Amino acid sequence: MTTEERHRRRFSEEFRKEQVQLIETGKTTILEVSKRYEVKTQNIRVWMERYGKKSIPGRILITTGKDYDRIMSLEKENKKLIELIGRQQVELIHKDEVIRLAKDRLGEDFEKK
């Protein structure tokens, strides 16, 4: 397809929404859609912003190996913190449930004792 032909093409809104849905569900990627229909990835990103339900993560520029290592260590730390928060949330819910059960069995003034 020539450049001139690509410039004259217009994709319907329904087509764009369909491609965005396929990308968001993981059935295809932005790069695959770009190659299949000869559309710039930037245009597909615009479709994603306009019609998508999920936000697109921004690009990360890695200039050195140290940057890559730092990003990887930050992602690992982030994952650990998310897991920690999740465990603490479960413990808090458990504690609240135990207190509620104790109040039911021992009376409302349980916490004062």
C-alpha atoms as a PDB file:
ATOM      1  CA  MET A   1       0.000   0.000   0.000  1.00  0.00           C
ATOM      2  CA  THR A   2       1.404   3.354  -0.955  1.00  0.00           C
ATOM      3  CA  THR A   3       1.744   6.280   1.406  1.00  0.00           C
ATOM      4  CA  GLU A   4      -0.914   8.172  -0.528  1.00  0.00           C
ATOM      5  CA  GLU A   5      -3.363   5.288  -0.173  1.00  0.00           C
ATOM      6  CA  ARG A   6      -2.701   5.097   3.551  1.00  0.00           C
ATOM      7  CA  HIS A   7      -3.365   8.824   3.942  1.00  0.00           C
ATOM      8  CA  ARG A   8      -6.748   8.527   2.207  1.00  0.00           C
ATOM      9  CA  ARG A   9      -7.978   5.659   4.367  1.00  0.00           C
ATOM     10  CA  ARG A  10     -10.433   6.261   7.161  1.00  0.00           C
ATOM     11  CA  PHE A  11     -11.341   3.678   9.776  1.00  0.00           C
ATOM     12  CA  SER A  12     -14.867   3.640  11.118  1.00  0.00           C
ATOM     13  CA  GLU A  13     -15.485   4.294  14.777  1.00  0.00           C
ATOM     14  CA  GLU A  14     -16.846   0.756  15.122  1.00  0.00           C
ATOM     15  CA  PHE A  15     -13.623  -0.690  13.667  1.00  0.00           C
ATOM     16  CA  ARG A  16     -11.511   1.382  16.033  1.00  0.00           C
ATOM     17  CA  LYS A  17     -13.566   0.320  19.057  1.00  0.00           C
ATOM     18  CA  GLU A  18     -13.292  -3.326  17.991  1.00  0.00           C
ATOM     19  CA  GLN A  19      -9.506  -3.110  17.727  1.00  0.00           C
ATOM     20  CA  VAL A  20      -9.259  -1.374  21.113  1.00  0.00           C
ATOM     21  CA  GLN A  21     -11.399  -4.089  22.699  1.00  0.00           C
ATOM     22  CA  LEU A  22      -9.191  -6.819  21.191  1.00  0.00           C
ATOM     23  CA  ILE A  23      -6.094  -5.095  22.565  1.00  0.00           C
ATOM     24  CA  GLU A  24      -7.592  -4.592  26.025  1.00  0.00           C
ATOM     25  CA  THR A  25      -8.689  -8.226  26.283  1.00  0.00           C
ATOM     26  CA  GLY A  26      -5.218  -9.385  25.301  1.00  0.00           C
ATOM     27  CA  LYS A  27      -6.248 -11.080  22.058  1.00  0.00           C
ATOM     28  CA  THR A  28      -3.865  -8.868  20.104  1.00  0.00           C
ATOM     29  CA  THR A  29      -1.331  -6.097  20.692  1.00  0.00           C
ATOM     30  CA  ILE A  30      -0.910  -2.562  19.465  1.00  0.00           C
ATOM     31  CA  LEU A  31       2.058  -3.658  17.370  1.00  0.00           C
ATOM     32  CA  GLU A  32       0.112  -6.504  15.743  1.00  0.00           C
ATOM     33  CA  VAL A  33      -2.785  -4.189  14.817  1.00  0.00           C
ATOM     34  CA  SER A  34      -0.292  -1.653  13.509  1.00  0.00           C
ATOM     35  CA  LYS A  35       1.377  -4.185  11.225  1.00  0.00           C
ATOM     36  CA  ARG A  36      -1.842  -5.885  10.104  1.00  0.00           C
ATOM     37  CA  TYR A  37      -3.603  -2.678   9.037  1.00  0.00           C
ATOM     38  CA  GLU A  38      -0.517  -0.548   8.325  1.00  0.00           C
ATOM     39  CA  VAL A  39      -1.426   2.078  10.903  1.00  0.00           C
ATOM     40  CA  LYS A  40       1.069   3.973  13.033  1.00  0.00           C
ATOM     41  CA  THR A  41       1.224   2.786  16.619  1.00  0.00           C
ATOM     42  CA  GLN A  42       0.699   6.369  17.763  1.00  0.00           C
ATOM     43  CA  ASN A  43      -2.668   6.433  15.984  1.00  0.00           C
ATOM     44  CA  ILE A  44      -3.680   3.227  17.740  1.00  0.00           C
ATOM     45  CA  ARG A  45      -2.643   4.744  21.067  1.00  0.00           C
ATOM     46  CA  VAL A  46      -4.974   7.670  20.308  1.00  0.00           C
ATOM     47  CA  TRP A  47      -7.763   5.146  19.677  1.00  0.00           C
ATOM     48  CA  MET A  48      -6.929   3.506  23.003  1.00  0.00           C
ATOM     49  CA  GLU A  49      -7.171   6.830  24.835  1.00  0.00           C
ATOM     50  CA  ARG A  50     -10.410   7.759  23.089  1.00  0.00           C
ATOM     51  CA  TYR A  51     -12.296   4.455  23.160  1.00  0.00           C
ATOM     52  CA  GLY A  52     -10.485   2.363  25.746  1.00  0.00           C
ATOM     53  CA  LYS A  53     -11.526   1.578  29.271  1.00  0.00           C
ATOM     54  CA  LYS A  54      -8.003   1.044  30.571  1.00  0.00           C
ATOM     55  CA  SER A  55      -5.310   3.675  30.740  1.00  0.00           C
ATOM     56  CA  ILE A  56      -2.191   3.142  28.673  1.00  0.00           C
ATOM     57  CA  PRO A  57       1.054   3.183  30.623  1.00  0.00           C
ATOM     58  CA  GLY A  58       3.529   5.761  29.451  1.00  0.00           C
ATOM     59  CA  ARG A  59       6.825   4.873  27.884  1.00  0.00           C
ATOM     60  CA  ILE A  60       9.890   4.409  30.041  1.00  0.00           C
ATOM     61  CA  LEU A  61      13.188   5.559  28.611  1.00  0.00           C
ATOM     62  CA  ILE A  62      16.109   3.413  29.730  1.00  0.00           C
ATOM     63  CA  THR A  63      19.484   4.908  29.019  1.00  0.00           C
ATOM     64  CA  THR A  64      21.859   2.678  30.957  1.00  0.00           C
ATOM     65  CA  GLY A  65      22.017  -0.744  32.556  1.00  0.00           C
ATOM     66  CA  LYS A  66      21.858   0.949  35.949  1.00  0.00           C
ATOM     67  CA  ASP A  67      18.511   2.506  34.996  1.00  0.00           C
ATOM     68  CA  TYR A  68      17.162  -0.901  34.014  1.00  0.00           C
ATOM     69  CA  ASP A  69      18.389  -2.501  37.242  1.00  0.00           C
ATOM     70  CA  ARG A  70      16.918   0.351  39.284  1.00  0.00           C
ATOM     71  CA  ILE A  71      13.528   0.039  37.578  1.00  0.00           C
ATOM     72  CA  MET A  72      13.497  -3.722  38.113  1.00  0.00           C
ATOM     73  CA  SER A  73      14.369  -3.356  41.804  1.00  0.00           C
ATOM     74  CA  LEU A  74      11.667  -0.695  42.234  1.00  0.00           C
ATOM     75  CA  GLU A  75       9.100  -2.960  40.567  1.00  0.00           C
ATOM     76  CA  LYS A  76      10.071  -5.835  42.895  1.00  0.00           C
ATOM     77  CA  GLU A  77       9.810  -3.540  45.924  1.00  0.00           C
ATOM     78  CA  ASN A  78       6.436  -2.277  44.702  1.00  0.00           C
ATOM     79  CA  LYS A  79       5.159  -5.842  44.338  1.00  0.00           C
ATOM     80  CA  LYS A  80       6.342  -6.707  47.875  1.00  0.00           C
ATOM     81  CA  LEU A  81       4.649  -3.610  49.304  1.00  0.00           C
ATOM     82  CA  ILE A  82       1.385  -4.406  47.538  1.00  0.00           C
ATOM     83  CA  GLU A  83       1.488  -7.932  48.962  1.00  0.00           C
ATOM     84  CA  LEU A  84       2.242  -6.544  52.430  1.00  0.00           C
ATOM     85  CA  ILE A  85      -0.687  -4.133  52.243  1.00  0.00           C
ATOM     86  CA  GLY A  86      -2.924  -6.987  51.121  1.00  0.00           C
ATOM     87  CA  ARG A  87      -1.861  -9.166  54.059  1.00  0.00           C
ATOM     88  CA  GLN A  88      -2.382  -6.309  56.491  1.00  0.00           C
ATOM     89  CA  GLN A  89      -5.829  -5.663  55.058  1.00  0.00           C
ATOM     90  CA  VAL A  90      -6.757  -9.326  55.557  1.00  0.00           C
ATOM     91  CA  GLU A  91      -5.435  -9.219  59.137  1.00  0.00           C
ATOM     92  CA  LEU A  92      -7.431  -6.074  59.845  1.00  0.00           C
ATOM     93  CA  ILE A  93     -10.624  -7.617  58.505  1.00  0.00           C
ATOM     94  CA  HIS A  94      -9.951 -10.742  60.595  1.00  0.00           C
ATOM     95  CA  LYS A  95      -9.378  -8.633  63.731  1.00  0.00           C
ATOM     96  CA  ASP A  96     -12.599  -6.690  63.161  1.00  0.00           C
ATOM     97  CA  GLU A  97     -14.531  -9.934  62.704  1.00  0.00           C
ATOM     98  CA  VAL A  98     -13.067 -11.409  65.902  1.00  0.00           C
ATOM     99  CA  ILE A  99     -14.042  -8.258  67.826  1.00  0.00           C
ATOM    100  CA  ARG A 100     -17.556  -8.409  66.379  1.00  0.00           C
ATOM    101  CA  LEU A 101     -17.940 -12.067  67.391  1.00  0.00           C
ATOM    102  CA  ALA A 102     -16.596 -11.314  70.880  1.00  0.00           C
ATOM    103  CA  LYS A 103     -19.116  -8.479  71.263  1.00  0.00           C
ATOM    104  CA  ASP A 104     -21.912 -10.835  70.242  1.00  0.00           C
ATOM    105  CA  ARG A 105     -20.872 -13.445  72.806  1.00  0.00           C
ATOM    106  CA  LEU A 106     -19.580 -11.276  75.650  1.00  0.00           C
ATOM    107  CA  GLY A 107     -21.701  -8.159  75.287  1.00  0.00           C
ATOM    108  CA  GLU A 108     -21.216  -4.649  73.984  1.00  0.00           C
ATOM    109  CA  ASP A 109     -18.850  -3.596  76.766  1.00  0.00           C
ATOM    110  CA  PHE A 110     -16.304  -6.228  75.656  1.00  0.00           C
ATOM    111  CA  GLU A 111     -13.766  -3.623  74.485  1.00  0.00           C
ATOM    112  CA  LYS A 112     -13.866  -1.852  77.839  1.00  0.00           C
ATOM    113  CA  LYS A 113     -12.878  -4.987  79.749  1.00  0.00           C
END
